[in-house]
Structures are given as structure tokens and as C-alpha cells.
Amino acid sequence: MTTARYYHAGCPVCVSAEQTLLNLLAPDVKVEVVHLGEAPSRVAEAEAAGVESVPALVVDGNVLHINFGAAIADLK
């Protein structure tokens, strides 16, 4: 089973991307949604995974930056 992490900050861009993108993934992909506004302690984790802005989807070490909602630096 593939595991993915969707990082976002709760802005309208992030929420819209979440609703659209996550419905396109295969049903066997397990997705963890990480709201960095509610879990600021995980910003360093997102950075370590290669996330430079949110919303972003990380799958198997590959980062897909979806639009530009906020720079990861703005969430620190």
C-alpha cells in the first residue's frame, strides 16, 4: 500500500486542492492530511521531506507542489 502525506495550512487554496486531488488518488493510497496551522510542530518534518510551499503532496519521497498557498517559511 502506498502512503502519502498532504501538507496544507487550511487556506481556501489548500482546502480546494485537498478536495480535488485526494479524490483522484487510487483507493489503495493511504493519505495522511497534515494541517500545519494546527500542527506547527510538523513544519520541520515537511521541510525535511522537501516541501517548500503548501499545499503539497508527498508520495514515496516525491513532492508535488500544488499551486501556491503559502511558503513553508511563512508557517514557522
Protein backbone atom coordinates (compact mmCIF):
# COMPACT_ATOMS: atom_id res chain seq x y z
CA MET A 1 0.00 0.00 0.00
CA THR A 2 1.30 3.45 -0.91
CA THR A 3 1.26 6.09 1.80
CA ALA A 4 1.05 9.78 1.01
CA ARG A 5 1.10 12.93 3.13
CA TYR A 6 -0.84 16.02 2.16
CA TYR A 7 0.52 19.13 3.88
CA HIS A 8 -1.58 22.28 3.98
CA ALA A 9 -2.24 25.41 6.01
CA GLY A 10 -6.04 25.49 5.92
CA CYS A 11 -6.33 28.32 3.40
CA PRO A 12 -9.01 28.18 0.68
CA VAL A 13 -6.42 27.15 -1.95
CA CYS A 14 -5.28 24.26 0.25
CA VAL A 15 -8.78 23.06 1.08
CA SER A 16 -9.88 23.20 -2.56
CA ALA A 17 -6.79 21.27 -3.68
CA GLU A 18 -7.39 18.68 -0.96
CA GLN A 19 -10.97 18.08 -2.05
CA THR A 20 -10.00 17.77 -5.70
CA LEU A 21 -6.68 15.96 -5.54
CA LEU A 22 -7.38 13.37 -2.89
CA ASN A 23 -10.45 12.16 -4.77
CA LEU A 24 -8.21 11.45 -7.79
CA LEU A 25 -5.86 9.11 -5.93
CA ALA A 26 -6.27 5.37 -6.18
CA PRO A 27 -8.40 3.91 -3.38
CA ASP A 28 -5.47 1.87 -2.05
CA VAL A 29 -3.39 5.00 -1.34
CA LYS A 30 -3.45 5.79 2.35
CA VAL A 31 -3.34 9.57 2.80
CA GLU A 32 -2.44 11.42 5.97
CA VAL A 33 -3.65 15.02 5.93
CA VAL A 34 -1.39 17.35 7.94
CA HIS A 35 -2.77 20.81 8.72
CA LEU A 36 0.39 22.72 9.57
CA GLY A 37 -1.60 25.57 11.10
CA GLU A 38 -2.95 23.13 13.69
CA ALA A 39 0.27 21.09 13.96
CA PRO A 40 3.11 23.64 13.70
CA SER A 41 5.49 21.13 15.27
CA ARG A 42 5.37 19.23 11.97
CA VAL A 43 6.70 22.09 9.82
CA ALA A 44 10.27 20.77 10.22
CA GLU A 45 9.06 17.33 9.09
CA ALA A 46 7.50 18.88 5.97
CA GLU A 47 10.71 20.78 5.23
CA ALA A 48 12.79 17.62 5.66
CA ALA A 49 10.50 15.90 3.13
CA GLY A 50 11.25 18.65 0.60
CA VAL A 51 8.10 20.72 0.97
CA GLU A 52 8.78 24.36 0.06
CA SER A 53 5.21 25.61 -0.05
CA VAL A 54 1.73 24.34 0.72
CA PRO A 55 -0.41 22.73 -0.42
CA ALA A 56 1.91 19.85 -1.21
CA LEU A 57 1.54 16.10 -1.58
CA VAL A 58 4.46 13.83 -0.69
CA VAL A 59 4.39 10.30 -2.10
CA ASP A 60 7.32 7.90 -1.87
CA GLY A 61 9.76 10.76 -1.31
CA ASN A 62 8.47 12.77 -4.27
CA VAL A 63 6.97 16.19 -3.58
CA LEU A 64 4.17 17.61 -5.70
CA HIS A 65 3.71 21.32 -5.01
CA ILE A 66 0.11 22.13 -5.89
CA ASN A 67 -0.44 25.80 -6.65
CA PHE A 68 1.00 28.27 -4.14
CA GLY A 69 -0.91 28.86 -0.94
CA ALA A 70 1.92 29.75 1.46
CA ALA A 71 5.66 29.36 1.66
CA ILE A 72 6.81 26.87 4.29
CA ALA A 73 8.88 29.70 5.83
CA ASP A 74 5.66 31.63 6.48
CA LEU A 75 4.39 28.79 8.66
CA LYS A 76 7.30 28.90 11.11
